[in-house]
Protein backbone atom coordinates (compact mmCIF):
# COMPACT_ATOMS: atom_id res chain seq x y z
CA MET A 1 -8.69 -30.92 -0.95
CA ALA A 2 -5.43 -29.94 0.50
CA MET A 3 -4.00 -26.75 -1.11
CA ALA A 4 -1.38 -26.05 -3.43
CA PRO A 5 2.19 -25.13 -2.11
CA ASP A 6 2.74 -21.18 -1.18
CA VAL A 7 5.17 -21.59 -4.35
CA LEU A 8 6.24 -18.09 -3.60
CA PHE A 9 6.61 -18.51 0.08
CA ASN A 10 10.02 -18.70 0.41
CA LEU A 11 10.43 -15.38 -1.80
CA ARG A 12 8.40 -12.85 -0.38
CA ASN A 13 9.21 -13.69 3.24
CA ASN A 14 12.45 -12.65 2.39
CA PHE A 15 11.21 -9.69 1.36
CA TYR A 16 9.50 -9.50 4.13
CA LEU A 17 12.55 -9.49 6.37
CA GLY A 18 14.94 -7.65 4.92
CA ALA A 19 17.06 -10.68 3.42
CA TYR A 20 16.72 -8.18 0.09
CA GLN A 21 20.01 -10.71 -1.54
CA ALA A 22 18.91 -13.41 -1.39
CA ALA A 23 15.35 -12.82 -2.25
CA ILE A 24 17.23 -11.96 -5.54
CA ASN A 25 19.48 -15.21 -5.45
CA ASN A 26 16.05 -16.53 -5.28
CA SER A 27 13.49 -15.98 -7.55
CA ASP A 28 14.20 -18.75 -10.14
CA VAL A 29 10.78 -20.09 -9.30
CA PRO A 30 9.94 -23.00 -12.03
CA ASN A 31 6.70 -23.46 -13.54
CA LEU A 32 5.03 -19.79 -12.44
CA SER A 33 1.63 -19.03 -13.48
CA GLU A 34 1.15 -15.05 -15.82
CA GLU A 35 0.12 -13.75 -12.21
CA ASP A 36 2.50 -15.67 -10.22
CA ALA A 37 5.00 -14.57 -12.30
CA ILE A 38 3.98 -11.17 -11.72
CA GLU A 39 4.52 -10.66 -8.42
CA ARG A 40 7.22 -13.00 -7.99
CA ASP A 41 8.86 -10.10 -10.98
CA CYS A 42 7.49 -7.61 -8.65
CA LEU A 43 9.23 -8.83 -5.77
CA VAL A 44 12.36 -8.93 -7.45
CA TYR A 45 12.08 -5.59 -8.29
CA ARG A 46 11.67 -3.94 -5.02
CA SER A 47 13.63 -5.57 -3.60
CA TYR A 48 16.11 -4.44 -5.77
CA ILE A 49 14.62 -0.85 -4.90
CA ALA A 50 15.27 -2.07 -1.59
CA ILE A 51 18.98 -2.07 -1.69
CA GLY A 52 19.55 1.28 -4.47
CA SER A 53 20.06 -0.59 -7.46
CA TYR A 54 16.86 2.00 -8.76
CA GLN A 55 18.50 2.51 -12.60
CA LEU A 56 18.45 -1.36 -12.95
CA VAL A 57 14.76 -1.38 -12.37
CA ILE A 58 14.03 2.18 -14.38
CA ASN A 59 16.07 0.57 -17.40
CA GLU A 60 14.34 -3.17 -17.34
CA VAL A 61 10.74 -2.20 -16.50
CA ASP A 62 9.49 -1.40 -20.15
CA SER A 63 6.79 0.33 -20.89
CA SER A 64 4.83 -2.83 -22.23
CA ALA A 65 4.83 -4.34 -18.92
CA ALA A 66 1.79 -5.45 -16.28
CA THR A 67 0.39 -2.43 -14.31
CA PRO A 68 2.14 -3.75 -10.49
CA LEU A 69 5.68 -3.65 -12.44
CA GLN A 70 4.53 -0.30 -14.04
CA ALA A 71 4.12 0.78 -10.48
CA VAL A 72 6.99 -0.74 -8.76
CA LYS A 73 9.04 1.37 -12.16
CA LEU A 74 7.59 4.64 -10.78
CA LEU A 75 8.32 3.90 -7.28
CA ALA A 76 11.82 3.82 -8.51
CA LEU A 77 11.96 6.76 -10.90
CA TYR A 78 10.49 8.66 -7.37
CA LEU A 79 13.22 7.77 -5.25
CA PHE A 80 16.23 8.18 -7.74
CA SER A 81 16.88 11.15 -7.69
CA PRO A 82 14.50 14.70 -6.31
CA ASP A 83 14.49 15.96 -10.27
CA SER A 84 11.34 12.64 -10.80
CA LYS A 85 9.85 13.03 -7.74
CA GLU A 86 7.51 15.29 -9.17
CA ASN A 87 6.80 13.23 -12.73
CA ALA A 88 7.01 9.27 -10.30
CA ILE A 89 3.88 12.09 -7.91
CA SER A 90 1.30 12.91 -11.28
CA SER A 91 1.41 9.75 -13.10
CA ILE A 92 0.79 7.94 -9.74
CA ARG A 93 -2.49 10.00 -9.43
CA GLU A 94 -2.89 9.89 -12.99
CA TRP A 95 -3.41 6.12 -12.95
CA LEU A 96 -5.35 5.21 -9.58
CA GLY A 97 -7.75 7.36 -10.80
CA ASP A 98 -8.55 5.43 -14.21
CA ALA A 99 -11.10 3.38 -12.99
CA ALA A 100 -9.36 -0.15 -14.81
CA ILE A 101 -6.54 0.03 -13.39
CA GLY A 102 -7.20 2.25 -9.95
CA ASN A 103 -7.78 0.35 -8.06
CA ASN A 104 -5.32 -2.61 -8.66
CA PRO A 105 -3.63 -3.42 -4.91
CA ILE A 106 -0.41 -2.83 -5.73
CA LEU A 107 -0.37 0.38 -7.81
CA ARG A 108 -2.37 1.15 -4.44
CA LEU A 109 -0.07 -0.52 -2.13
CA ILE A 110 2.99 1.66 -3.90
CA ALA A 111 1.12 4.86 -3.77
CA GLY A 112 0.66 5.06 -0.44
CA THR A 113 4.61 3.91 0.45
CA ILE A 114 5.62 7.57 -2.21
CA PHE A 115 3.42 9.50 0.08
CA MET A 116 4.59 8.10 3.15
CA HIS A 117 7.78 9.08 2.41
CA GLU A 118 6.07 12.66 1.31
CA GLN A 119 4.87 11.99 4.98
CA ASP A 120 1.44 12.98 3.79
CA TYR A 121 -0.51 10.19 5.50
CA ASN A 122 -4.02 10.96 4.75
CA GLU A 123 -3.24 10.70 1.21
CA ALA A 124 -1.59 7.70 2.38
CA LEU A 125 -4.76 6.35 3.61
CA LYS A 126 -7.22 7.36 0.35
CA TYR A 127 -5.60 4.20 -1.67
CA THR A 128 -4.34 2.09 1.60
CA ASN A 129 -7.27 2.43 4.11
CA ALA A 130 -9.30 -0.73 1.94
CA GLY A 131 -6.10 -3.02 2.47
CA GLY A 132 -7.68 -6.48 0.60
CA THR A 133 -4.06 -7.84 0.88
CA MET A 134 -1.92 -8.54 3.58
CA GLU A 135 0.60 -6.07 2.93
CA LEU A 136 -1.85 -3.18 2.51
CA TYR A 137 -3.03 -4.17 6.22
CA ALA A 138 0.23 -3.77 7.16
CA LEU A 139 1.08 -0.36 5.53
CA ASN A 140 -2.12 0.41 6.97
CA VAL A 141 -0.44 -0.62 11.00
CA HIS A 142 2.89 1.65 9.45
CA ILE A 143 1.09 4.17 9.02
CA PHE A 144 -1.41 4.54 11.67
CA LEU A 145 1.52 4.16 14.62
CA LYS A 146 3.60 7.55 12.19
CA MET A 147 0.56 9.50 13.22
CA ASN A 148 -0.01 8.25 16.49
CA ARG A 149 -2.98 6.59 16.67
CA SER A 150 -2.59 2.93 17.54
CA ASP A 151 -6.03 2.38 18.47
CA TYR A 152 -6.66 2.56 14.79
CA ALA A 153 -2.97 0.48 13.94
CA GLU A 154 -4.51 -2.29 16.39
CA LYS A 155 -8.07 -2.17 14.75
CA GLN A 156 -6.13 -3.02 11.80
CA LEU A 157 -3.98 -5.84 13.56
CA ARG A 158 -7.49 -8.07 14.31
CA VAL A 159 -8.28 -8.17 10.59
CA MET A 160 -4.32 -9.44 9.89
CA GLN A 161 -4.90 -12.11 13.03
CA GLN A 162 -8.09 -12.81 11.25
CA MET A 163 -6.70 -13.47 8.05
CA ASP A 164 -3.29 -15.41 9.19
CA GLU A 165 -2.01 -15.00 12.99
CA ASP A 166 1.11 -16.72 11.50
CA HIS A 167 2.15 -14.82 8.88
CA THR A 168 5.34 -12.59 9.01
CA LEU A 169 3.71 -9.52 7.75
CA THR A 170 1.36 -10.13 10.82
CA GLN A 171 3.89 -11.05 13.27
CA LEU A 172 6.23 -7.72 12.21
CA ALA A 173 2.82 -5.78 12.91
CA THR A 174 2.44 -7.02 16.19
CA ALA A 175 6.18 -6.32 17.50
CA TRP A 176 5.66 -2.41 15.51
CA LEU A 177 2.17 -1.86 18.33
CA ASN A 178 3.57 -3.63 20.65
CA LEU A 179 6.77 -1.14 20.99
CA ALA A 180 4.49 1.31 20.34
CA VAL A 181 1.89 0.72 22.63
CA GLY A 182 5.37 0.02 25.30
CA GLY A 183 5.66 -0.80 29.22
CA SER A 184 5.70 -5.13 28.91
CA LYS A 185 4.32 -4.62 25.78
CA ILE A 186 8.34 -4.08 24.60
CA GLN A 187 9.75 -7.82 25.61
CA GLU A 188 6.55 -9.42 23.74
CA ALA A 189 7.99 -7.47 20.36
CA TYR A 190 11.60 -8.65 21.49
CA LEU A 191 10.83 -12.44 21.46
CA ILE A 192 9.50 -11.89 17.97
CA PHE A 193 12.30 -10.41 16.52
CA GLN A 194 13.64 -13.36 18.35
CA ASP A 195 11.88 -16.52 16.59
CA PHE A 196 12.54 -14.89 13.20
CA SER A 197 16.09 -14.16 14.19
CA GLU A 198 16.02 -18.19 15.06
CA LYS A 199 13.56 -19.75 11.93
CA TYR A 200 15.46 -17.35 9.54
CA GLN A 201 18.09 -16.00 8.02
CA MET A 202 19.10 -12.15 10.18
CA THR A 203 18.71 -9.48 8.75
CA SER A 204 19.26 -5.42 8.96
CA LEU A 205 15.26 -5.63 9.20
CA ILE A 206 15.38 -8.39 12.04
CA LEU A 207 19.07 -7.27 13.96
CA ASN A 208 16.94 -3.36 14.80
CA GLY A 209 14.24 -4.78 15.75
CA LYS A 210 15.93 -6.70 19.13
CA ALA A 211 18.24 -3.44 19.33
CA VAL A 212 14.51 -0.87 19.62
CA CYS A 213 14.08 -3.51 22.40
CA CYS A 214 16.54 -3.07 24.27
CA MET A 215 17.12 0.17 23.69
CA HIS A 216 13.61 1.07 24.74
CA MET A 217 13.88 -1.40 27.77
CA GLY A 218 17.56 0.06 28.69
CA ASN A 219 20.03 -2.38 27.41
CA PHE A 220 22.42 -0.14 25.64
CA ASP A 221 25.08 -2.19 25.94
CA GLU A 222 23.04 -5.00 23.97
CA ALA A 223 21.71 -3.19 21.74
CA GLU A 224 25.05 -1.80 20.20
CA SER A 225 26.58 -5.31 19.60
CA PHE A 226 22.88 -6.00 17.58
CA LEU A 227 23.18 -2.03 15.69
CA LEU A 228 27.63 -3.12 14.78
CA GLU A 229 26.44 -6.76 13.78
CA ALA A 230 23.20 -5.10 11.27
CA LEU A 231 25.81 -1.91 10.00
CA ASN A 232 28.00 -4.74 9.34
CA LYS A 233 26.10 -6.68 6.86
CA ASP A 234 25.01 -2.61 5.73
CA ALA A 235 26.87 0.05 6.46
CA LYS A 236 23.97 2.59 4.21
CA ASP A 237 20.97 1.17 6.71
CA GLN A 238 20.11 4.65 7.32
CA GLU A 239 17.80 2.59 10.23
CA THR A 240 20.56 0.63 11.60
CA LEU A 241 22.89 4.33 11.61
CA ALA A 242 20.62 6.62 13.43
CA ASN A 243 19.50 3.99 15.55
CA LEU A 244 23.00 4.25 16.63
CA VAL A 245 23.83 7.62 17.03
CA VAL A 246 21.20 6.91 19.67
CA CYS A 247 22.76 4.69 21.24
CA SER A 248 26.03 6.47 21.32
CA LEU A 249 24.52 9.35 22.81
CA HIS A 250 23.65 7.23 26.32
CA LEU A 251 26.37 4.77 26.35
CA GLY A 252 28.67 8.30 26.48
CA LYS A 253 30.83 7.72 23.06
CA PRO A 254 31.45 9.57 20.24
CA SER A 255 28.28 8.90 17.37
CA ALA A 256 30.28 11.93 14.99
CA ARG A 257 30.58 9.00 12.55
CA PHE A 258 27.54 7.42 12.40
CA LEU A 259 26.25 10.86 11.90
CA SER A 260 28.27 11.88 8.85
CA GLN A 261 28.05 8.21 7.37
CA LEU A 262 23.81 9.09 8.54
CA LYS A 263 24.42 12.35 6.12
CA LEU A 264 26.02 10.47 3.41
CA SER A 265 22.95 8.21 3.54
CA ASP A 266 19.81 10.00 3.82
CA PRO A 267 20.62 14.40 4.05
CA GLU A 268 17.50 14.79 5.05
CA HIS A 269 17.16 12.31 7.76
CA THR A 270 15.83 14.27 11.07
CA LEU A 271 18.59 13.43 13.28
CA VAL A 272 21.05 14.70 10.47
CA LYS A 273 19.04 18.35 10.40
CA ARG A 274 18.74 18.26 13.83
CA GLY A 275 22.59 17.73 13.50
CA LEU A 276 22.33 16.01 16.71
CA THR A 277 25.90 15.42 18.75
CA ALA A 278 25.46 15.96 22.37
CA GLU A 279 23.98 14.20 25.09
CA GLU A 280 20.80 16.46 26.19
CA ASN A 281 19.10 15.62 22.22
CA PHE A 282 19.09 11.80 23.39
CA ASP A 283 15.41 12.36 24.50
CA ARG A 284 14.29 13.86 21.35
CA ALA A 285 16.48 11.42 19.08
CA MET A 286 15.08 8.12 21.44
CA GLN A 287 11.80 10.18 19.71
CA THR A 288 12.70 8.67 16.33
CA VAL A 289 13.51 5.07 17.83
CA GLY A 290 11.79 2.50 15.95
C-alpha cells in the first residue's frame, strides 16, 4: 500500500530552513484533517514568532485553541517582553505537570525552547529528552551541543538517522554536529548547507551555515560575502550580525556598525555584553560561532 503524500512537507521544510515568510505565504493547504490543521497553524504561528510578530500570535490564539497552539502562544508571550517571561514560565510548568496535556510533543518542544533561552539546559532536557518527534530529537542535539556533550548529541542523531536519514532536520543536525566536532568534518557540514542552497530557497539560516563553515576553514572573505547576502535578507538577524562582527574582526575591518545593530536587536547578546571591539577578543568571539 502506497503511503499517503505528506501534505505539510513543504511548509515544514520552509520552517526548518528559515524561510518563514514563504511558510506563512504558502500555508493554505486544502482538505486537512483536524490534526494536520493544528500542526499547520502551529508552524505558521511559529514562523510569525521567528520574524518577531509576537503580538499577532498573542492576539490570534484564543483560550479555546488546542493545547499545541496554546503552547506556541506561550512562546510568543515569553519572547514578547521581559515582563511576561515569568508568567510564561510558570504557565508552562503548570501545563507540563497536567497529566492530560503534559506529554503533548509541541508543549514539550516549546518548554525545551524556552528553557534553552534561559540557558537552563538540564531543565530543557527534562521535557525533551524522551524525544518522540524529529523536532524533539533535533532540539536534543542542539541542547547537548550547547552543553559541549557531542557524545550525547551523536546518540540522538543516530536515532534520527534510523527514523529518516534524508529528513531535513537529520541533515541539519548532522551539520551542527560536524561543526562541533571540527577538523575534516567542517567540509562535510559545508556540503550539507551547499546541498540545501541548491535544492531550496536561499535563507539566512543556510547562508549563516555556509559562512560559519568558511570561518572555521579560514576563508573569511567568502564567509563575509555569504553574511552580507544574509544581511540583505534580514537586517535584524542576530546570528548574521554576530557572525559579521567576528568576520570583520578577523579581516581587520571595522565591526562597530554590526555590533550596534546587534545591540539594537539583542542587548543581551554575548558579544554585546563583552563590548567586543578589538582584534585580541577574536578568539573569544570565535567560541560563540556555530
